[in-house]
Amino acid sequence: MFVAYVVLAVLLSLVLIASGRGKLVKDEKITTGLTAIGVPLGWLPRLAALELAGALGLLAGTGYRPLGVAAAVGVVLYFAGAVIAHLRAKDLKGVPTPAVLLLLAVAPLVLGAATV
């Protein structure tokens, strides 16, 4: 299970880093989608910081599992919030991406908790 945790943690971390970078450089695709659901542009640095912290925590969890589990909980909550934000804004087209990432984030949480 440790190998599966490492693989999923690395893959999810890469996605989180790419997304966080897009928010930091204010990629047009990202800013358009976020402003459409009512997220102020001032929140982008904070959201990017949360994603980058989650990525670092997942990677650090390969060496110290409780940190990885805590980071996975944070990432699950982050994407649950993203799904809720899209649903509240009635943006059904925007729901699948954070929903898939939410499901992907659950896997390192379960695997990490199982191997603590």
N, C-alpha and C. Protein backbone atom coordinates (compact mmCIF):
# COMPACT_ATOMS: atom_id res chain seq x y z
N MET A 1 0.81 -1.19 0.00
CA MET A 1 0.00 0.00 0.00
C MET A 1 0.85 1.26 0.00
N PHE A 2 2.06 1.15 0.53
CA PHE A 2 2.94 2.31 0.57
C PHE A 2 3.27 2.80 -0.83
N VAL A 3 3.54 1.87 -1.74
CA VAL A 3 3.88 2.25 -3.11
C VAL A 3 2.69 2.94 -3.77
N ALA A 4 1.50 2.43 -3.54
CA ALA A 4 0.30 3.06 -4.11
C ALA A 4 0.12 4.46 -3.54
N TYR A 5 0.39 4.64 -2.24
CA TYR A 5 0.29 5.97 -1.64
C TYR A 5 1.27 6.92 -2.32
N VAL A 6 2.51 6.46 -2.49
CA VAL A 6 3.54 7.33 -3.08
C VAL A 6 3.15 7.73 -4.50
N VAL A 7 2.70 6.78 -5.30
CA VAL A 7 2.33 7.07 -6.68
C VAL A 7 1.18 8.09 -6.73
N LEU A 8 0.14 7.85 -5.94
CA LEU A 8 -1.00 8.77 -5.93
C LEU A 8 -0.64 10.13 -5.35
N ALA A 9 0.19 10.14 -4.32
CA ALA A 9 0.61 11.41 -3.72
C ALA A 9 1.41 12.24 -4.72
N VAL A 10 2.29 11.60 -5.46
CA VAL A 10 3.10 12.32 -6.44
C VAL A 10 2.21 12.84 -7.57
N LEU A 11 1.31 12.01 -8.09
CA LEU A 11 0.43 12.45 -9.17
C LEU A 11 -0.47 13.60 -8.73
N LEU A 12 -1.07 13.47 -7.56
CA LEU A 12 -1.94 14.54 -7.07
C LEU A 12 -1.14 15.80 -6.79
N SER A 13 0.07 15.64 -6.29
CA SER A 13 0.93 16.80 -6.03
C SER A 13 1.26 17.55 -7.32
N LEU A 14 1.51 16.83 -8.39
CA LEU A 14 1.79 17.47 -9.67
C LEU A 14 0.58 18.27 -10.15
N VAL A 15 -0.61 17.71 -9.98
CA VAL A 15 -1.83 18.42 -10.37
C VAL A 15 -2.00 19.67 -9.51
N LEU A 16 -1.78 19.53 -8.21
CA LEU A 16 -1.92 20.67 -7.30
C LEU A 16 -0.91 21.77 -7.61
N ILE A 17 0.32 21.39 -7.91
CA ILE A 17 1.35 22.37 -8.25
C ILE A 17 0.99 23.11 -9.53
N ALA A 18 0.52 22.38 -10.53
CA ALA A 18 0.13 23.02 -11.80
C ALA A 18 -1.05 23.97 -11.59
N SER A 19 -2.02 23.55 -10.80
CA SER A 19 -3.17 24.40 -10.54
C SER A 19 -2.78 25.63 -9.71
N GLY A 20 -1.95 25.43 -8.71
CA GLY A 20 -1.48 26.54 -7.89
C GLY A 20 -0.69 27.54 -8.71
N ARG A 21 0.15 27.04 -9.60
CA ARG A 21 0.93 27.91 -10.46
C ARG A 21 0.00 28.73 -11.36
N GLY A 22 -1.02 28.07 -11.91
CA GLY A 22 -1.98 28.77 -12.77
C GLY A 22 -2.69 29.89 -12.03
N LYS A 23 -2.98 29.67 -10.78
CA LYS A 23 -3.63 30.72 -9.99
C LYS A 23 -2.66 31.86 -9.69
N LEU A 24 -1.40 31.53 -9.42
CA LEU A 24 -0.41 32.56 -9.11
C LEU A 24 -0.11 33.46 -10.32
N VAL A 25 -0.05 32.86 -11.51
CA VAL A 25 0.23 33.66 -12.71
C VAL A 25 -1.06 34.18 -13.36
N LYS A 26 -2.18 33.89 -12.71
CA LYS A 26 -3.51 34.33 -13.18
C LYS A 26 -3.78 33.90 -14.62
N ASP A 27 -3.64 32.59 -14.82
CA ASP A 27 -3.96 31.98 -16.11
C ASP A 27 -5.41 32.32 -16.47
N GLU A 28 -5.62 32.73 -17.71
CA GLU A 28 -6.94 33.20 -18.14
C GLU A 28 -8.02 32.14 -17.98
N LYS A 29 -7.70 30.87 -18.27
CA LYS A 29 -8.70 29.80 -18.12
C LYS A 29 -9.15 29.68 -16.67
N ILE A 30 -8.20 29.77 -15.78
CA ILE A 30 -8.51 29.61 -14.35
C ILE A 30 -9.27 30.82 -13.82
N THR A 31 -8.78 32.02 -14.13
CA THR A 31 -9.44 33.22 -13.61
C THR A 31 -10.85 33.37 -14.16
N THR A 32 -11.06 33.02 -15.41
CA THR A 32 -12.39 33.11 -16.00
C THR A 32 -13.36 32.18 -15.28
N GLY A 33 -12.92 30.96 -15.06
CA GLY A 33 -13.78 29.99 -14.36
C GLY A 33 -14.09 30.39 -12.94
N LEU A 34 -13.09 30.89 -12.24
CA LEU A 34 -13.29 31.26 -10.84
C LEU A 34 -14.16 32.50 -10.69
N THR A 35 -13.92 33.49 -11.53
CA THR A 35 -14.75 34.70 -11.43
C THR A 35 -16.20 34.42 -11.84
N ALA A 36 -16.39 33.44 -12.72
CA ALA A 36 -17.74 33.08 -13.15
C ALA A 36 -18.57 32.52 -11.99
N ILE A 37 -17.91 31.90 -11.02
CA ILE A 37 -18.65 31.35 -9.88
C ILE A 37 -18.58 32.28 -8.66
N GLY A 38 -18.02 33.47 -8.86
CA GLY A 38 -18.05 34.47 -7.81
C GLY A 38 -16.85 34.52 -6.89
N VAL A 39 -15.75 33.88 -7.28
CA VAL A 39 -14.53 33.92 -6.46
C VAL A 39 -13.77 35.20 -6.80
N PRO A 40 -13.52 36.06 -5.80
CA PRO A 40 -12.77 37.29 -6.06
C PRO A 40 -11.32 36.99 -6.46
N LEU A 41 -10.76 37.78 -7.36
CA LEU A 41 -9.38 37.57 -7.80
C LEU A 41 -8.39 37.69 -6.64
N GLY A 42 -8.75 38.42 -5.60
CA GLY A 42 -7.89 38.54 -4.44
C GLY A 42 -7.69 37.24 -3.68
N TRP A 43 -8.55 36.28 -3.91
CA TRP A 43 -8.42 34.98 -3.25
C TRP A 43 -7.42 34.06 -3.95
N LEU A 44 -7.03 34.37 -5.17
CA LEU A 44 -6.16 33.46 -5.94
C LEU A 44 -4.85 33.12 -5.21
N PRO A 45 -4.14 34.10 -4.64
CA PRO A 45 -2.90 33.73 -3.94
C PRO A 45 -3.14 32.77 -2.76
N ARG A 46 -4.24 32.98 -2.04
CA ARG A 46 -4.56 32.10 -0.91
C ARG A 46 -4.91 30.70 -1.39
N LEU A 47 -5.71 30.63 -2.43
CA LEU A 47 -6.07 29.31 -2.98
C LEU A 47 -4.83 28.60 -3.51
N ALA A 48 -3.95 29.34 -4.17
CA ALA A 48 -2.70 28.74 -4.67
C ALA A 48 -1.84 28.25 -3.51
N ALA A 49 -1.77 29.03 -2.45
CA ALA A 49 -0.98 28.63 -1.27
C ALA A 49 -1.53 27.34 -0.66
N LEU A 50 -2.86 27.22 -0.61
CA LEU A 50 -3.46 26.00 -0.08
C LEU A 50 -3.11 24.79 -0.94
N GLU A 51 -3.18 24.97 -2.26
CA GLU A 51 -2.84 23.86 -3.15
C GLU A 51 -1.37 23.48 -3.04
N LEU A 52 -0.50 24.46 -2.99
CA LEU A 52 0.93 24.17 -2.88
C LEU A 52 1.27 23.53 -1.53
N ALA A 53 0.61 23.99 -0.47
CA ALA A 53 0.83 23.38 0.85
C ALA A 53 0.35 21.93 0.85
N GLY A 54 -0.79 21.68 0.20
CA GLY A 54 -1.28 20.31 0.10
C GLY A 54 -0.32 19.42 -0.66
N ALA A 55 0.24 19.94 -1.75
CA ALA A 55 1.20 19.17 -2.54
C ALA A 55 2.45 18.85 -1.71
N LEU A 56 2.96 19.85 -1.02
CA LEU A 56 4.16 19.62 -0.20
C LEU A 56 3.87 18.65 0.94
N GLY A 57 2.70 18.78 1.55
CA GLY A 57 2.34 17.86 2.63
C GLY A 57 2.19 16.43 2.15
N LEU A 58 1.59 16.24 0.98
CA LEU A 58 1.46 14.89 0.43
C LEU A 58 2.83 14.28 0.15
N LEU A 59 3.71 15.09 -0.40
CA LEU A 59 5.06 14.59 -0.69
C LEU A 59 5.83 14.31 0.60
N ALA A 60 5.70 15.19 1.58
CA ALA A 60 6.37 14.96 2.87
C ALA A 60 5.79 13.73 3.56
N GLY A 61 4.54 13.42 3.25
CA GLY A 61 3.90 12.25 3.84
C GLY A 61 4.53 10.93 3.41
N THR A 62 5.33 10.95 2.37
CA THR A 62 6.02 9.71 2.00
C THR A 62 7.07 9.35 3.05
N GLY A 63 7.55 10.37 3.77
CA GLY A 63 8.53 10.11 4.82
C GLY A 63 7.92 10.10 6.21
N TYR A 64 6.91 10.92 6.42
CA TYR A 64 6.25 11.02 7.72
C TYR A 64 4.75 10.96 7.47
N ARG A 65 4.20 9.76 7.56
CA ARG A 65 2.83 9.49 7.14
C ARG A 65 1.78 10.37 7.80
N PRO A 66 1.85 10.69 9.10
CA PRO A 66 0.79 11.55 9.67
C PRO A 66 0.68 12.90 8.96
N LEU A 67 1.78 13.44 8.50
CA LEU A 67 1.73 14.70 7.77
C LEU A 67 1.02 14.51 6.42
N GLY A 68 1.30 13.39 5.78
CA GLY A 68 0.63 13.10 4.51
C GLY A 68 -0.87 12.91 4.68
N VAL A 69 -1.26 12.26 5.77
CA VAL A 69 -2.70 12.08 6.04
C VAL A 69 -3.36 13.43 6.30
N ALA A 70 -2.69 14.27 7.09
CA ALA A 70 -3.24 15.61 7.37
C ALA A 70 -3.36 16.43 6.09
N ALA A 71 -2.35 16.35 5.23
CA ALA A 71 -2.39 17.08 3.96
C ALA A 71 -3.51 16.53 3.08
N ALA A 72 -3.68 15.22 3.07
CA ALA A 72 -4.75 14.62 2.26
C ALA A 72 -6.12 15.07 2.75
N VAL A 73 -6.29 15.18 4.06
CA VAL A 73 -7.56 15.69 4.61
C VAL A 73 -7.79 17.11 4.10
N GLY A 74 -6.75 17.93 4.15
CA GLY A 74 -6.87 19.30 3.66
C GLY A 74 -7.21 19.37 2.19
N VAL A 75 -6.60 18.53 1.39
CA VAL A 75 -6.87 18.52 -0.05
C VAL A 75 -8.30 18.05 -0.33
N VAL A 76 -8.75 17.05 0.41
CA VAL A 76 -10.14 16.58 0.26
C VAL A 76 -11.11 17.71 0.60
N LEU A 77 -10.85 18.42 1.69
CA LEU A 77 -11.72 19.53 2.07
C LEU A 77 -11.67 20.66 1.04
N TYR A 78 -10.48 20.92 0.50
CA TYR A 78 -10.33 21.96 -0.53
C TYR A 78 -11.21 21.66 -1.74
N PHE A 79 -11.11 20.42 -2.23
CA PHE A 79 -11.88 20.08 -3.43
C PHE A 79 -13.36 19.90 -3.13
N ALA A 80 -13.71 19.50 -1.92
CA ALA A 80 -15.13 19.46 -1.54
C ALA A 80 -15.69 20.88 -1.57
N GLY A 81 -14.91 21.83 -1.08
CA GLY A 81 -15.32 23.23 -1.14
C GLY A 81 -15.46 23.72 -2.57
N ALA A 82 -14.57 23.27 -3.45
CA ALA A 82 -14.63 23.66 -4.85
C ALA A 82 -15.90 23.11 -5.51
N VAL A 83 -16.23 21.86 -5.21
CA VAL A 83 -17.45 21.27 -5.76
C VAL A 83 -18.67 22.04 -5.26
N ILE A 84 -18.69 22.34 -3.96
CA ILE A 84 -19.81 23.08 -3.38
C ILE A 84 -19.93 24.47 -4.02
N ALA A 85 -18.79 25.13 -4.22
CA ALA A 85 -18.82 26.47 -4.83
C ALA A 85 -19.42 26.42 -6.23
N HIS A 86 -19.04 25.43 -7.01
CA HIS A 86 -19.60 25.30 -8.36
C HIS A 86 -21.10 25.00 -8.32
N LEU A 87 -21.49 24.13 -7.40
CA LEU A 87 -22.91 23.79 -7.30
C LEU A 87 -23.74 24.99 -6.84
N ARG A 88 -23.23 25.76 -5.89
CA ARG A 88 -23.96 26.94 -5.41
C ARG A 88 -24.13 27.97 -6.50
N ALA A 89 -23.12 28.06 -7.39
CA ALA A 89 -23.20 29.01 -8.50
C ALA A 89 -23.97 28.44 -9.69
N LYS A 90 -24.47 27.22 -9.53
CA LYS A 90 -25.21 26.53 -10.60
C LYS A 90 -24.36 26.36 -11.86
N ASP A 91 -23.05 26.14 -11.63
CA ASP A 91 -22.10 25.92 -12.73
C ASP A 91 -21.85 24.41 -12.85
N LEU A 92 -22.81 23.72 -13.44
CA LEU A 92 -22.70 22.27 -13.53
C LEU A 92 -21.58 21.83 -14.46
N LYS A 93 -21.20 22.67 -15.42
CA LYS A 93 -20.09 22.33 -16.32
C LYS A 93 -18.76 22.33 -15.57
N GLY A 94 -18.65 23.10 -14.49
CA GLY A 94 -17.41 23.20 -13.74
C GLY A 94 -17.27 22.17 -12.65
N VAL A 95 -18.31 21.40 -12.37
CA VAL A 95 -18.27 20.44 -11.26
C VAL A 95 -17.38 19.22 -11.52
N PRO A 96 -17.34 18.65 -12.73
CA PRO A 96 -16.60 17.40 -12.90
C PRO A 96 -15.11 17.46 -12.53
N THR A 97 -14.43 18.54 -12.87
CA THR A 97 -12.99 18.59 -12.58
C THR A 97 -12.71 18.53 -11.08
N PRO A 98 -13.29 19.41 -10.25
CA PRO A 98 -13.00 19.28 -8.82
C PRO A 98 -13.57 18.00 -8.22
N ALA A 99 -14.66 17.46 -8.80
CA ALA A 99 -15.22 16.21 -8.28
C ALA A 99 -14.26 15.05 -8.51
N VAL A 100 -13.66 15.00 -9.68
CA VAL A 100 -12.68 13.94 -9.97
C VAL A 100 -11.46 14.10 -9.07
N LEU A 101 -11.00 15.33 -8.89
CA LEU A 101 -9.85 15.57 -8.03
C LEU A 101 -10.19 15.26 -6.57
N LEU A 102 -11.42 15.49 -6.17
CA LEU A 102 -11.86 15.12 -4.82
C LEU A 102 -11.74 13.61 -4.64
N LEU A 103 -12.24 12.87 -5.60
CA LEU A 103 -12.16 11.41 -5.53
C LEU A 103 -10.71 10.94 -5.55
N LEU A 104 -9.90 11.58 -6.37
CA LEU A 104 -8.47 11.23 -6.42
C LEU A 104 -7.80 11.54 -5.09
N ALA A 105 -8.20 12.60 -4.43
CA ALA A 105 -7.60 12.98 -3.15
C ALA A 105 -7.99 12.04 -2.02
N VAL A 106 -9.12 11.38 -2.15
CA VAL A 106 -9.56 10.44 -1.12
C VAL A 106 -8.62 9.24 -1.07
N ALA A 107 -8.10 8.83 -2.21
CA ALA A 107 -7.25 7.64 -2.26
C ALA A 107 -5.99 7.77 -1.40
N PRO A 108 -5.19 8.85 -1.52
CA PRO A 108 -4.03 8.96 -0.62
C PRO A 108 -4.44 9.07 0.85
N LEU A 109 -5.60 9.65 1.10
CA LEU A 109 -6.07 9.74 2.48
C LEU A 109 -6.31 8.34 3.05
N VAL A 110 -7.02 7.51 2.30
CA VAL A 110 -7.32 6.16 2.75
C VAL A 110 -6.04 5.33 2.85
N LEU A 111 -5.22 5.40 1.80
CA LEU A 111 -3.98 4.61 1.81
C LEU A 111 -3.02 5.08 2.90
N GLY A 112 -2.93 6.39 3.07
CA GLY A 112 -2.05 6.92 4.11
C GLY A 112 -2.51 6.54 5.49
N ALA A 113 -3.81 6.61 5.74
CA ALA A 113 -4.35 6.26 7.04
C ALA A 113 -4.19 4.76 7.31
N ALA A 114 -4.27 3.94 6.27
CA ALA A 114 -4.14 2.50 6.42
C ALA A 114 -2.71 2.08 6.73
N THR A 115 -1.75 2.92 6.40
CA THR A 115 -0.34 2.53 6.60
C THR A 115 0.36 3.35 7.67
N VAL A 116 -0.42 4.08 8.49
CA VAL A 116 0.21 4.87 9.58
C VAL A 116 0.76 3.95 10.62
